[in-house]
Amino acid sequence: MRILTSPWPGRRAPEPKVFLSAEVVRRGRDWYRSTYFAHATNESVLGEKSTSYLEDGAAATRAASVLGPAEIVVQLRDPVARAVSNWRFSTANGFEQRPLTEALEANLSGSRAWDRDASSVSPYAYLERGRYVLYLEPWLTAFAPTVHVRFLEDVAARRRRRPISTAFSESTPTFNHPTRATRSTGAPGRRRKSTPTSYAGCARTSAALTPGCAIGLDGSCPGR
């Protein structure tokens, strides 16, 4: 499934981060729509993703105030692999100079200060960003039951089995996927039209799972 996201022809808007700012959110739904989706025509799905959203509980409330009912897709990954990937990213971008083991061991003692002008979230939250249950709670409160949790490993396996254009088009017991969408740089998919739906995608970031808790596809945590 392809989703219309970029406000500039031929370019992608990878991280709008609209809902991280109360000041920006006050501009309202019409501003959001005209800024990021002015090029929309008859697409069924309008979506954006900003990885920082999941870490900001207030972002969930702000998103709900602007979007109203919306489908929220959260993509998580193995928390250990996520921590290592985080360290690699921070190292490659000049935030981190410590070896992996040293950085992770230091993180056990708490968070490290960072330059908030250089990064919207901490580049050093290797361990706490893997405690997904804590980060999901505000989104489940604001948008339940339309929060859909997916795991990167499952998505990757599905992509290997079928073309990307149909990787997300199947239905599951907790998520009936919209049937038609497009990117700004591609043609609309040949799908049955459906009612336009707003998506705020929270991808790939967050904190290790609470011991003994397996998050369901609906974001639930049995026994918690």
N, C-alpha and C. Protein backbone atom coordinates (compact mmCIF):
# COMPACT_ATOMS: atom_id res chain seq x y z
N MET A 1 0.84 -1.18 0.00
CA MET A 1 0.00 0.00 0.00
C MET A 1 0.88 1.24 0.00
N ARG A 2 0.56 2.22 -0.83
CA ARG A 2 1.31 3.45 -0.87
C ARG A 2 0.47 4.58 -0.30
N ILE A 3 1.11 5.46 0.47
CA ILE A 3 0.38 6.49 1.19
C ILE A 3 0.84 7.87 0.75
N LEU A 4 -0.08 8.80 0.57
CA LEU A 4 0.23 10.15 0.18
C LEU A 4 0.77 10.91 1.39
N THR A 5 2.03 11.36 1.32
CA THR A 5 2.62 12.00 2.49
C THR A 5 3.35 13.30 2.21
N SER A 6 3.92 13.48 1.02
CA SER A 6 4.81 14.61 0.80
C SER A 6 4.10 15.83 0.23
N PRO A 7 4.33 17.02 0.81
CA PRO A 7 3.71 18.23 0.28
C PRO A 7 4.47 18.82 -0.90
N TRP A 8 5.64 18.26 -1.24
CA TRP A 8 6.44 18.79 -2.34
C TRP A 8 6.58 17.74 -3.43
N PRO A 9 6.16 18.04 -4.64
CA PRO A 9 6.28 17.07 -5.75
C PRO A 9 7.71 16.58 -5.89
N GLY A 10 7.87 15.26 -5.98
CA GLY A 10 9.19 14.70 -6.18
C GLY A 10 10.04 14.61 -4.94
N ARG A 11 9.52 15.07 -3.80
CA ARG A 11 10.29 15.02 -2.56
C ARG A 11 9.45 14.38 -1.47
N ARG A 12 10.12 13.81 -0.48
CA ARG A 12 9.44 13.22 0.67
C ARG A 12 9.58 14.12 1.88
N ALA A 13 8.62 14.14 2.75
CA ALA A 13 8.68 14.87 4.01
C ALA A 13 8.82 13.83 5.11
N PRO A 14 10.06 13.40 5.43
CA PRO A 14 10.23 12.24 6.28
C PRO A 14 9.79 12.43 7.73
N GLU A 15 9.94 13.63 8.27
CA GLU A 15 9.65 13.84 9.69
C GLU A 15 9.00 15.20 9.90
N PRO A 16 7.71 15.36 9.64
CA PRO A 16 7.07 16.66 9.86
C PRO A 16 7.12 17.12 11.33
N LYS A 17 6.96 16.19 12.27
CA LYS A 17 7.05 16.48 13.71
C LYS A 17 6.06 17.54 14.17
N VAL A 18 4.94 17.64 13.50
CA VAL A 18 3.94 18.66 13.80
C VAL A 18 3.46 18.58 15.25
N PHE A 19 3.17 17.37 15.71
CA PHE A 19 2.52 17.22 17.01
C PHE A 19 3.50 17.25 18.19
N LEU A 20 4.75 17.58 17.92
CA LEU A 20 5.70 17.80 19.01
C LEU A 20 5.62 19.22 19.54
N SER A 21 4.95 20.08 18.85
CA SER A 21 4.90 21.50 19.21
C SER A 21 3.48 21.97 19.46
N ALA A 22 3.22 22.45 20.67
CA ALA A 22 1.91 23.00 20.99
C ALA A 22 1.63 24.24 20.15
N GLU A 23 2.68 25.02 19.90
CA GLU A 23 2.51 26.24 19.10
C GLU A 23 2.09 25.92 17.67
N VAL A 24 2.72 24.92 17.08
CA VAL A 24 2.38 24.53 15.71
C VAL A 24 0.98 23.94 15.66
N VAL A 25 0.64 23.15 16.64
CA VAL A 25 -0.68 22.51 16.67
C VAL A 25 -1.80 23.54 16.73
N ARG A 26 -1.55 24.67 17.34
CA ARG A 26 -2.57 25.72 17.43
C ARG A 26 -2.95 26.28 16.07
N ARG A 27 -2.16 25.99 15.05
CA ARG A 27 -2.51 26.43 13.70
C ARG A 27 -3.71 25.68 13.15
N GLY A 28 -3.99 24.52 13.72
CA GLY A 28 -5.23 23.83 13.42
C GLY A 28 -5.20 22.83 12.29
N ARG A 29 -6.32 22.16 12.13
CA ARG A 29 -6.46 21.08 11.15
C ARG A 29 -6.34 21.58 9.72
N ASP A 30 -6.96 22.75 9.43
CA ASP A 30 -6.93 23.26 8.07
C ASP A 30 -5.49 23.57 7.64
N TRP A 31 -4.72 24.16 8.55
CA TRP A 31 -3.31 24.44 8.25
C TRP A 31 -2.56 23.14 8.01
N TYR A 32 -2.78 22.15 8.85
CA TYR A 32 -2.11 20.86 8.72
C TYR A 32 -2.41 20.24 7.36
N ARG A 33 -3.68 20.25 7.00
CA ARG A 33 -4.10 19.64 5.73
C ARG A 33 -3.51 20.41 4.55
N SER A 34 -3.58 21.74 4.57
CA SER A 34 -3.11 22.52 3.44
C SER A 34 -1.59 22.51 3.33
N THR A 35 -0.89 22.37 4.45
CA THR A 35 0.57 22.38 4.43
C THR A 35 1.14 21.05 3.94
N TYR A 36 0.59 19.95 4.40
CA TYR A 36 1.16 18.65 4.09
C TYR A 36 0.39 17.85 3.05
N PHE A 37 -0.84 18.24 2.75
CA PHE A 37 -1.64 17.44 1.82
C PHE A 37 -2.38 18.29 0.80
N ALA A 38 -1.84 19.46 0.49
CA ALA A 38 -2.49 20.33 -0.50
C ALA A 38 -2.55 19.66 -1.87
N HIS A 39 -1.65 18.74 -2.13
CA HIS A 39 -1.61 18.06 -3.42
C HIS A 39 -2.52 16.84 -3.48
N ALA A 40 -3.25 16.58 -2.40
CA ALA A 40 -4.14 15.42 -2.36
C ALA A 40 -5.32 15.63 -3.32
N THR A 41 -5.75 14.55 -3.93
CA THR A 41 -6.92 14.61 -4.81
C THR A 41 -8.02 13.73 -4.24
N ASN A 42 -8.10 12.48 -4.68
CA ASN A 42 -9.15 11.59 -4.19
C ASN A 42 -8.58 10.38 -3.48
N GLU A 43 -7.39 10.56 -2.84
CA GLU A 43 -6.79 9.44 -2.11
C GLU A 43 -7.64 9.03 -0.91
N SER A 44 -7.56 7.77 -0.57
CA SER A 44 -8.29 7.24 0.58
C SER A 44 -7.53 7.44 1.87
N VAL A 45 -6.21 7.48 1.79
CA VAL A 45 -5.37 7.54 2.99
C VAL A 45 -4.42 8.72 2.90
N LEU A 46 -4.43 9.55 3.91
CA LEU A 46 -3.47 10.63 4.06
C LEU A 46 -2.66 10.32 5.31
N GLY A 47 -1.35 10.26 5.18
CA GLY A 47 -0.57 9.85 6.33
C GLY A 47 0.76 10.53 6.42
N GLU A 48 1.26 10.62 7.62
CA GLU A 48 2.61 11.11 7.86
C GLU A 48 3.20 10.30 9.00
N LYS A 49 4.54 10.29 9.07
CA LYS A 49 5.17 9.58 10.16
C LYS A 49 6.29 10.43 10.74
N SER A 50 6.38 10.42 12.04
CA SER A 50 7.48 11.09 12.73
C SER A 50 7.88 10.20 13.90
N THR A 51 9.09 9.71 13.87
CA THR A 51 9.50 8.72 14.87
C THR A 51 9.50 9.27 16.28
N SER A 52 9.62 10.58 16.42
CA SER A 52 9.68 11.19 17.75
C SER A 52 8.33 11.19 18.46
N TYR A 53 7.24 11.00 17.73
CA TYR A 53 5.92 11.09 18.34
C TYR A 53 5.73 10.13 19.50
N LEU A 54 6.24 8.92 19.37
CA LEU A 54 5.97 7.89 20.36
C LEU A 54 6.56 8.24 21.71
N GLU A 55 7.64 9.02 21.72
CA GLU A 55 8.28 9.36 22.99
C GLU A 55 7.62 10.53 23.70
N ASP A 56 6.78 11.24 23.02
CA ASP A 56 6.15 12.44 23.59
C ASP A 56 4.69 12.15 23.87
N GLY A 57 4.38 11.90 25.14
CA GLY A 57 3.00 11.60 25.50
C GLY A 57 2.04 12.71 25.11
N ALA A 58 2.51 13.96 25.19
CA ALA A 58 1.66 15.09 24.84
C ALA A 58 1.35 15.11 23.35
N ALA A 59 2.21 14.49 22.54
CA ALA A 59 1.97 14.46 21.09
C ALA A 59 0.68 13.71 20.78
N ALA A 60 0.38 12.70 21.57
CA ALA A 60 -0.86 11.94 21.36
C ALA A 60 -2.08 12.82 21.57
N THR A 61 -2.07 13.61 22.63
CA THR A 61 -3.18 14.51 22.91
C THR A 61 -3.30 15.58 21.84
N ARG A 62 -2.16 16.11 21.41
CA ARG A 62 -2.17 17.14 20.36
C ARG A 62 -2.71 16.57 19.05
N ALA A 63 -2.25 15.37 18.70
CA ALA A 63 -2.71 14.75 17.46
C ALA A 63 -4.22 14.53 17.50
N ALA A 64 -4.72 14.08 18.63
CA ALA A 64 -6.16 13.84 18.76
C ALA A 64 -6.95 15.14 18.62
N SER A 65 -6.40 16.24 19.14
CA SER A 65 -7.10 17.52 19.07
C SER A 65 -7.19 18.05 17.64
N VAL A 66 -6.21 17.71 16.81
CA VAL A 66 -6.19 18.18 15.43
C VAL A 66 -6.88 17.20 14.49
N LEU A 67 -6.58 15.91 14.63
CA LEU A 67 -7.07 14.92 13.69
C LEU A 67 -8.46 14.40 14.01
N GLY A 68 -8.81 14.42 15.30
CA GLY A 68 -10.02 13.73 15.68
C GLY A 68 -9.77 12.24 15.58
N PRO A 69 -10.78 11.43 15.25
CA PRO A 69 -10.56 9.99 15.09
C PRO A 69 -9.52 9.73 14.00
N ALA A 70 -8.56 8.88 14.30
CA ALA A 70 -7.50 8.57 13.33
C ALA A 70 -6.96 7.19 13.60
N GLU A 71 -6.40 6.58 12.59
CA GLU A 71 -5.74 5.29 12.73
C GLU A 71 -4.27 5.55 13.03
N ILE A 72 -3.78 4.99 14.12
CA ILE A 72 -2.40 5.18 14.54
C ILE A 72 -1.64 3.87 14.35
N VAL A 73 -0.62 3.89 13.53
CA VAL A 73 0.18 2.70 13.27
C VAL A 73 1.52 2.86 13.97
N VAL A 74 1.84 1.92 14.85
CA VAL A 74 3.09 1.95 15.59
C VAL A 74 3.93 0.76 15.15
N GLN A 75 5.12 1.03 14.63
CA GLN A 75 6.00 -0.06 14.23
C GLN A 75 7.16 -0.14 15.22
N LEU A 76 7.28 -1.28 15.88
CA LEU A 76 8.32 -1.52 16.87
C LEU A 76 9.30 -2.55 16.33
N ARG A 77 10.45 -2.65 17.00
CA ARG A 77 11.41 -3.68 16.62
C ARG A 77 12.01 -4.27 17.88
N ASP A 78 12.72 -5.39 17.72
CA ASP A 78 13.41 -6.02 18.85
C ASP A 78 14.18 -4.94 19.62
N PRO A 79 13.92 -4.79 20.93
CA PRO A 79 14.54 -3.68 21.68
C PRO A 79 16.06 -3.72 21.73
N VAL A 80 16.65 -4.91 21.67
CA VAL A 80 18.11 -5.00 21.66
C VAL A 80 18.65 -4.51 20.32
N ALA A 81 18.06 -5.00 19.23
CA ALA A 81 18.47 -4.55 17.91
C ALA A 81 18.24 -3.05 17.76
N ARG A 82 17.15 -2.55 18.35
CA ARG A 82 16.86 -1.12 18.29
C ARG A 82 17.93 -0.31 19.00
N ALA A 83 18.38 -0.78 20.19
CA ALA A 83 19.40 -0.07 20.95
C ALA A 83 20.72 0.01 20.18
N VAL A 84 21.10 -1.10 19.55
CA VAL A 84 22.34 -1.12 18.77
C VAL A 84 22.22 -0.19 17.57
N SER A 85 21.07 -0.21 16.90
CA SER A 85 20.84 0.66 15.76
C SER A 85 20.88 2.13 16.18
N ASN A 86 20.31 2.43 17.33
CA ASN A 86 20.32 3.78 17.88
C ASN A 86 21.77 4.26 18.10
N TRP A 87 22.58 3.37 18.69
CA TRP A 87 23.99 3.71 18.92
C TRP A 87 24.72 3.96 17.60
N ARG A 88 24.46 3.14 16.61
CA ARG A 88 25.10 3.32 15.31
C ARG A 88 24.70 4.66 14.68
N PHE A 89 23.43 5.00 14.79
CA PHE A 89 22.95 6.27 14.25
C PHE A 89 23.61 7.44 14.98
N SER A 90 23.63 7.37 16.30
CA SER A 90 24.21 8.46 17.09
C SER A 90 25.70 8.61 16.81
N THR A 91 26.37 7.49 16.61
CA THR A 91 27.80 7.52 16.30
C THR A 91 28.04 8.11 14.91
N ALA A 92 27.27 7.66 13.95
CA ALA A 92 27.45 8.13 12.57
C ALA A 92 27.15 9.61 12.43
N ASN A 93 26.27 10.14 13.28
CA ASN A 93 25.89 11.54 13.18
C ASN A 93 26.63 12.45 14.17
N GLY A 94 27.67 11.89 14.80
CA GLY A 94 28.54 12.71 15.62
C GLY A 94 28.07 12.98 17.04
N PHE A 95 26.97 12.35 17.46
CA PHE A 95 26.50 12.54 18.83
C PHE A 95 27.27 11.69 19.84
N GLU A 96 27.67 10.52 19.41
CA GLU A 96 28.24 9.52 20.31
C GLU A 96 29.69 9.21 19.93
N GLN A 97 30.57 9.21 20.95
CA GLN A 97 31.96 8.84 20.72
C GLN A 97 32.36 7.60 21.49
N ARG A 98 31.50 7.14 22.40
CA ARG A 98 31.84 5.99 23.24
C ARG A 98 31.59 4.68 22.50
N PRO A 99 32.35 3.64 22.83
CA PRO A 99 32.07 2.30 22.29
C PRO A 99 30.68 1.85 22.72
N LEU A 100 30.12 0.89 22.00
CA LEU A 100 28.76 0.43 22.28
C LEU A 100 28.59 -0.04 23.71
N THR A 101 29.47 -0.92 24.18
CA THR A 101 29.32 -1.47 25.53
C THR A 101 29.38 -0.37 26.58
N GLU A 102 30.30 0.54 26.44
CA GLU A 102 30.42 1.63 27.40
C GLU A 102 29.17 2.51 27.41
N ALA A 103 28.65 2.80 26.22
CA ALA A 103 27.46 3.65 26.13
C ALA A 103 26.25 2.98 26.77
N LEU A 104 26.07 1.67 26.53
CA LEU A 104 24.93 0.96 27.10
C LEU A 104 25.05 0.82 28.61
N GLU A 105 26.24 0.52 29.09
CA GLU A 105 26.45 0.39 30.54
C GLU A 105 26.19 1.71 31.24
N ALA A 106 26.63 2.81 30.65
CA ALA A 106 26.40 4.12 31.24
C ALA A 106 24.91 4.45 31.27
N ASN A 107 24.19 4.01 30.26
CA ASN A 107 22.76 4.28 30.17
C ASN A 107 21.97 3.57 31.26
N LEU A 108 22.54 2.50 31.82
CA LEU A 108 21.88 1.79 32.92
C LEU A 108 21.74 2.69 34.14
N SER A 109 22.62 3.67 34.26
CA SER A 109 22.60 4.58 35.41
C SER A 109 21.68 5.77 35.20
N GLY A 110 21.14 5.91 34.01
CA GLY A 110 20.24 7.02 33.76
C GLY A 110 20.51 7.67 32.42
N SER A 111 19.70 8.69 32.14
CA SER A 111 19.82 9.36 30.85
C SER A 111 20.95 10.38 30.87
N ARG A 112 21.39 10.76 29.69
CA ARG A 112 22.47 11.71 29.52
C ARG A 112 21.93 12.99 28.88
N ALA A 113 22.43 14.12 29.33
CA ALA A 113 21.98 15.39 28.76
C ALA A 113 22.37 15.47 27.29
N TRP A 114 21.55 16.20 26.50
CA TRP A 114 21.86 16.36 25.08
C TRP A 114 21.43 17.74 24.61
N ASP A 115 21.93 18.13 23.47
CA ASP A 115 21.63 19.43 22.88
C ASP A 115 20.26 19.37 22.21
N ARG A 116 19.26 20.00 22.81
CA ARG A 116 17.90 19.92 22.29
C ARG A 116 17.72 20.73 21.01
N ASP A 117 18.66 21.59 20.72
CA ASP A 117 18.59 22.31 19.45
C ASP A 117 19.10 21.44 18.29
N ALA A 118 19.89 20.44 18.64
CA ALA A 118 20.46 19.56 17.61
C ALA A 118 19.61 18.33 17.35
N SER A 119 18.77 17.95 18.31
CA SER A 119 17.96 16.74 18.18
C SER A 119 16.67 16.90 18.97
N SER A 120 15.54 16.50 18.38
CA SER A 120 14.25 16.64 19.05
C SER A 120 14.09 15.64 20.18
N VAL A 121 14.83 14.54 20.14
CA VAL A 121 14.82 13.54 21.21
C VAL A 121 16.26 13.18 21.55
N SER A 122 16.44 12.54 22.69
CA SER A 122 17.79 12.17 23.13
C SER A 122 18.43 11.15 22.19
N PRO A 123 19.65 11.42 21.74
CA PRO A 123 20.35 10.43 20.93
C PRO A 123 20.99 9.34 21.77
N TYR A 124 20.82 9.43 23.12
CA TYR A 124 21.47 8.50 24.03
C TYR A 124 20.49 7.59 24.77
N ALA A 125 19.22 7.61 24.41
CA ALA A 125 18.20 6.82 25.12
C ALA A 125 18.17 5.39 24.58
N TYR A 126 19.29 4.73 24.67
CA TYR A 126 19.43 3.40 24.08
C TYR A 126 18.52 2.37 24.74
N LEU A 127 18.45 2.39 26.06
CA LEU A 127 17.69 1.37 26.78
C LEU A 127 16.26 1.80 27.07
N GLU A 128 16.07 3.01 27.58
CA GLU A 128 14.72 3.42 27.94
C GLU A 128 13.80 3.51 26.72
N ARG A 129 14.36 3.77 25.55
CA ARG A 129 13.53 3.87 24.36
C ARG A 129 13.02 2.50 23.90
N GLY A 130 13.46 1.43 24.54
CA GLY A 130 12.99 0.10 24.22
C GLY A 130 11.89 -0.39 25.14
N ARG A 131 11.45 0.45 26.10
CA ARG A 131 10.37 0.05 27.02
C ARG A 131 9.04 0.47 26.41
N TYR A 132 8.62 -0.27 25.41
CA TYR A 132 7.53 0.14 24.55
C TYR A 132 6.20 0.35 25.27
N VAL A 133 5.92 -0.45 26.28
CA VAL A 133 4.63 -0.37 26.95
C VAL A 133 4.40 1.02 27.51
N LEU A 134 5.42 1.61 28.10
CA LEU A 134 5.28 2.94 28.70
C LEU A 134 4.97 4.00 27.64
N TYR A 135 5.58 3.89 26.49
CA TYR A 135 5.37 4.87 25.45
C TYR A 135 4.03 4.70 24.74
N LEU A 136 3.51 3.50 24.74
CA LEU A 136 2.23 3.25 24.07
C LEU A 136 1.04 3.78 24.86
N GLU A 137 1.16 3.86 26.16
CA GLU A 137 0.00 4.19 27.00
C GLU A 137 -0.71 5.49 26.60
N PRO A 138 0.00 6.61 26.39
CA PRO A 138 -0.71 7.84 26.00
C PRO A 138 -1.45 7.71 24.68
N TRP A 139 -0.89 6.96 23.74
CA TRP A 139 -1.54 6.79 22.44
C TRP A 139 -2.76 5.89 22.55
N LEU A 140 -2.67 4.88 23.40
CA LEU A 140 -3.82 4.01 23.62
C LEU A 140 -4.94 4.78 24.32
N THR A 141 -4.57 5.68 25.20
CA THR A 141 -5.56 6.50 25.89
C THR A 141 -6.25 7.45 24.93
N ALA A 142 -5.47 8.07 24.04
CA ALA A 142 -6.02 9.08 23.14
C ALA A 142 -6.75 8.49 21.94
N PHE A 143 -6.33 7.30 21.48
CA PHE A 143 -6.86 6.79 20.22
C PHE A 143 -7.43 5.38 20.28
N ALA A 144 -7.35 4.69 21.42
CA ALA A 144 -7.90 3.33 21.46
C ALA A 144 -9.35 3.37 21.00
N PRO A 145 -9.80 2.39 20.21
CA PRO A 145 -9.11 1.15 19.81
C PRO A 145 -8.46 1.21 18.43
N THR A 146 -8.06 2.39 17.96
CA THR A 146 -7.51 2.51 16.61
C THR A 146 -5.99 2.66 16.61
N VAL A 147 -5.32 2.10 17.62
CA VAL A 147 -3.87 2.03 17.63
C VAL A 147 -3.48 0.62 17.19
N HIS A 148 -2.68 0.53 16.16
CA HIS A 148 -2.32 -0.76 15.57
C HIS A 148 -0.82 -0.95 15.69
N VAL A 149 -0.41 -1.93 16.48
CA VAL A 149 1.01 -2.19 16.73
C VAL A 149 1.51 -3.24 15.76
N ARG A 150 2.60 -2.93 15.11
CA ARG A 150 3.25 -3.87 14.21
C ARG A 150 4.72 -3.99 14.60
N PHE A 151 5.30 -5.14 14.30
CA PHE A 151 6.71 -5.36 14.61
C PHE A 151 7.52 -5.42 13.32
N LEU A 152 8.63 -4.72 13.31
CA LEU A 152 9.46 -4.60 12.12
C LEU A 152 9.83 -5.96 11.55
N GLU A 153 10.17 -6.90 12.42
CA GLU A 153 10.58 -8.22 11.95
C GLU A 153 9.45 -8.91 11.17
N ASP A 154 8.21 -8.74 11.64
CA ASP A 154 7.07 -9.34 10.93
C ASP A 154 6.84 -8.66 9.59
N VAL A 155 6.95 -7.33 9.59
CA VAL A 155 6.76 -6.58 8.34
C VAL A 155 7.82 -6.95 7.32
N ALA A 156 9.08 -7.06 7.78
CA ALA A 156 10.17 -7.41 6.88
C ALA A 156 9.96 -8.81 6.29
N ALA A 157 9.51 -9.74 7.13
CA ALA A 157 9.26 -11.09 6.63
C ALA A 157 8.14 -11.09 5.60
N ARG A 158 7.11 -10.28 5.83
CA ARG A 158 6.00 -10.21 4.89
C ARG A 158 6.45 -9.58 3.58
N ARG A 159 7.33 -8.59 3.65
CA ARG A 159 7.84 -7.96 2.43
C ARG A 159 8.62 -8.96 1.58
N ARG A 160 9.31 -9.87 2.24
CA ARG A 160 10.08 -10.86 1.48
C ARG A 160 9.17 -11.84 0.77
N ARG A 161 7.93 -11.99 1.28
CA ARG A 161 7.01 -12.96 0.70
C ARG A 161 6.15 -12.38 -0.41
N ARG A 162 5.99 -11.03 -0.44
CA ARG A 162 5.13 -10.43 -1.46
C ARG A 162 5.64 -9.04 -1.80
N PRO A 163 5.23 -8.49 -2.95
CA PRO A 163 5.67 -7.15 -3.35
C PRO A 163 5.24 -6.11 -2.33
N ILE A 164 6.02 -5.04 -2.20
CA ILE A 164 5.73 -3.99 -1.24
C ILE A 164 4.38 -3.34 -1.49
N SER A 165 3.93 -3.29 -2.75
CA SER A 165 2.67 -2.63 -3.07
C SER A 165 1.48 -3.31 -2.40
N THR A 166 1.64 -4.58 -1.99
CA THR A 166 0.54 -5.28 -1.33
C THR A 166 0.90 -5.74 0.07
N ALA A 167 2.05 -5.34 0.56
CA ALA A 167 2.52 -5.85 1.84
C ALA A 167 1.61 -5.49 2.99
N PHE A 168 0.88 -4.35 2.88
CA PHE A 168 0.05 -3.92 3.99
C PHE A 168 -1.44 -3.95 3.65
N SER A 169 -1.80 -4.63 2.57
CA SER A 169 -3.18 -4.56 2.13
C SER A 169 -4.06 -5.67 2.66
N GLU A 170 -3.48 -6.63 3.35
CA GLU A 170 -4.31 -7.70 3.87
C GLU A 170 -5.01 -7.28 5.14
N SER A 171 -6.10 -7.93 5.46
CA SER A 171 -6.83 -7.63 6.68
C SER A 171 -6.36 -8.53 7.80
N THR A 172 -6.44 -8.00 9.03
CA THR A 172 -6.13 -8.78 10.21
C THR A 172 -7.30 -8.65 11.16
N PRO A 173 -7.36 -9.49 12.21
CA PRO A 173 -8.49 -9.40 13.14
C PRO A 173 -8.62 -8.04 13.80
N THR A 174 -7.52 -7.26 13.86
CA THR A 174 -7.59 -5.98 14.56
C THR A 174 -7.44 -4.79 13.65
N PHE A 175 -7.20 -5.00 12.37
CA PHE A 175 -6.92 -3.86 11.51
C PHE A 175 -7.39 -4.14 10.10
N ASN A 176 -8.47 -3.49 9.67
CA ASN A 176 -8.92 -3.57 8.29
C ASN A 176 -8.29 -2.43 7.52
N HIS A 177 -7.31 -2.74 6.72
CA HIS A 177 -6.53 -1.70 6.05
C HIS A 177 -7.35 -0.97 5.00
N PRO A 178 -7.17 0.36 4.90
CA PRO A 178 -7.82 1.10 3.82
C PRO A 178 -7.40 0.52 2.48
N THR A 179 -8.22 0.72 1.46
CA THR A 179 -8.03 -0.01 0.22
C THR A 179 -7.41 0.80 -0.90
N ARG A 180 -7.19 2.08 -0.72
CA ARG A 180 -6.63 2.84 -1.84
C ARG A 180 -5.84 4.02 -1.32
N ALA A 181 -4.62 4.19 -1.81
CA ALA A 181 -3.79 5.31 -1.41
C ALA A 181 -2.70 5.50 -2.43
N THR A 182 -1.95 6.60 -2.30
CA THR A 182 -0.88 6.86 -3.24
C THR A 182 0.18 7.73 -2.61
N ARG A 183 1.38 7.72 -3.16
CA ARG A 183 2.40 8.69 -2.81
C ARG A 183 2.27 9.87 -3.76
N SER A 184 2.91 10.98 -3.42
CA SER A 184 2.86 12.13 -4.31
C SER A 184 3.64 11.88 -5.58
N THR A 185 4.58 10.91 -5.55
CA THR A 185 5.42 10.66 -6.71
C THR A 185 4.95 9.47 -7.53
N GLY A 186 3.80 8.89 -7.19
CA GLY A 186 3.33 7.71 -7.92
C GLY A 186 1.87 7.82 -8.25
N ALA A 187 1.39 6.89 -9.03
CA ALA A 187 -0.01 6.88 -9.41
C ALA A 187 -0.83 6.18 -8.35
N PRO A 188 -2.12 6.54 -8.22
CA PRO A 188 -2.98 5.88 -7.24
C PRO A 188 -3.00 4.38 -7.45
N GLY A 189 -3.04 3.65 -6.35
CA GLY A 189 -3.15 2.20 -6.46
C GLY A 189 -4.51 1.81 -6.99
N ARG A 190 -4.57 0.69 -7.66
CA ARG A 190 -5.84 0.25 -8.21
C ARG A 190 -6.61 -0.52 -7.16
N ARG A 191 -7.29 0.20 -6.32
CA ARG A 191 -8.03 -0.40 -5.22
C ARG A 191 -9.42 0.21 -5.17
N ARG A 192 -10.34 -0.48 -4.52
CA ARG A 192 -11.68 0.06 -4.32
C ARG A 192 -11.60 1.29 -3.45
N LYS A 193 -12.33 2.34 -3.79
CA LYS A 193 -12.28 3.58 -3.02
C LYS A 193 -12.90 3.37 -1.65
N SER A 194 -12.39 4.08 -0.68
CA SER A 194 -12.95 4.03 0.67
C SER A 194 -12.93 5.43 1.23
N THR A 195 -13.55 5.62 2.38
CA THR A 195 -13.61 6.93 3.01
C THR A 195 -12.22 7.37 3.42
N PRO A 196 -11.81 8.62 3.10
CA PRO A 196 -10.47 9.09 3.49
C PRO A 196 -10.24 8.93 4.98
N THR A 197 -9.06 8.50 5.34
CA THR A 197 -8.70 8.25 6.73
C THR A 197 -7.40 8.95 7.04
N SER A 198 -7.32 9.58 8.21
CA SER A 198 -6.07 10.22 8.63
C SER A 198 -5.21 9.23 9.37
N TYR A 199 -3.94 9.23 9.08
CA TYR A 199 -2.99 8.37 9.77
C TYR A 199 -1.90 9.23 10.39
N ALA A 200 -1.59 9.01 11.63
CA ALA A 200 -0.38 9.59 12.21
C ALA A 200 0.49 8.40 12.54
N GLY A 201 1.54 8.19 11.81
CA GLY A 201 2.37 6.99 11.97
C GLY A 201 3.44 7.21 13.01
N CYS A 202 3.49 6.37 14.00
CA CYS A 202 4.54 6.45 15.00
C CYS A 202 5.46 5.27 14.74
N ALA A 203 6.62 5.51 14.22
CA ALA A 203 7.42 4.41 13.73
C ALA A 203 8.75 4.28 14.44
N ARG A 204 9.10 3.09 14.70
CA ARG A 204 10.45 2.65 15.00
C ARG A 204 11.10 3.21 16.25
N THR A 205 10.46 4.01 17.05
CA THR A 205 11.09 4.45 18.27
C THR A 205 10.26 4.04 19.45
N SER A 206 10.77 4.09 20.62
CA SER A 206 10.08 3.95 21.86
C SER A 206 10.96 3.38 22.98
N ALA A 207 10.58 2.31 24.38
CA ALA A 207 11.27 1.82 25.57
C ALA A 207 10.99 0.39 25.81
N ALA A 208 12.90 -2.01 27.58
CA ALA A 208 12.49 -3.32 27.10
C ALA A 208 11.06 -3.55 27.51
N LEU A 209 10.33 -4.37 26.78
CA LEU A 209 8.97 -4.68 27.15
C LEU A 209 8.89 -5.02 28.62
N THR A 210 7.76 -4.66 29.25
CA THR A 210 7.58 -5.02 30.65
C THR A 210 7.68 -6.53 30.79
N PRO A 211 8.48 -7.02 31.73
CA PRO A 211 8.64 -8.47 31.87
C PRO A 211 7.30 -9.19 31.95
N GLY A 212 7.19 -10.26 31.19
CA GLY A 212 5.99 -11.07 31.24
C GLY A 212 4.83 -10.51 30.44
N CYS A 213 5.06 -9.44 29.68
CA CYS A 213 3.98 -8.82 28.95
C CYS A 213 4.24 -8.91 27.46
N ALA A 214 3.32 -9.51 26.73
CA ALA A 214 3.42 -9.56 25.27
C ALA A 214 2.37 -8.63 24.71
N ILE A 215 2.77 -7.61 23.97
CA ILE A 215 1.82 -6.66 23.42
C ILE A 215 1.06 -7.31 22.28
N GLY A 216 -0.26 -7.24 22.32
CA GLY A 216 -1.06 -7.78 21.24
C GLY A 216 -1.08 -6.83 20.06
N LEU A 217 -1.60 -7.31 18.94
CA LEU A 217 -1.67 -6.46 17.76
C LEU A 217 -2.55 -5.23 17.99
N ASP A 218 -3.46 -5.32 18.97
CA ASP A 218 -4.29 -4.17 19.27
C ASP A 218 -3.65 -3.25 20.31
N GLY A 219 -2.38 -3.54 20.66
CA GLY A 219 -1.70 -2.71 21.65
C GLY A 219 -1.98 -3.11 23.07
N SER A 220 -2.78 -4.17 23.27
CA SER A 220 -3.12 -4.56 24.63
C SER A 220 -1.97 -5.27 25.30
N CYS A 221 -2.00 -5.27 26.60
CA CYS A 221 -0.97 -5.94 27.39
C CYS A 221 -1.66 -6.83 28.40
N PRO A 222 -1.98 -8.05 28.03
CA PRO A 222 -2.72 -8.96 28.92
C PRO A 222 -2.05 -9.11 30.27
N GLY A 223 -2.84 -8.97 31.29
CA GLY A 223 -2.33 -9.19 32.64
C GLY A 223 -1.67 -7.98 33.25
N ARG A 224 -1.66 -6.85 32.52
CA ARG A 224 -1.02 -5.66 33.09
C ARG A 224 -2.06 -4.73 33.67
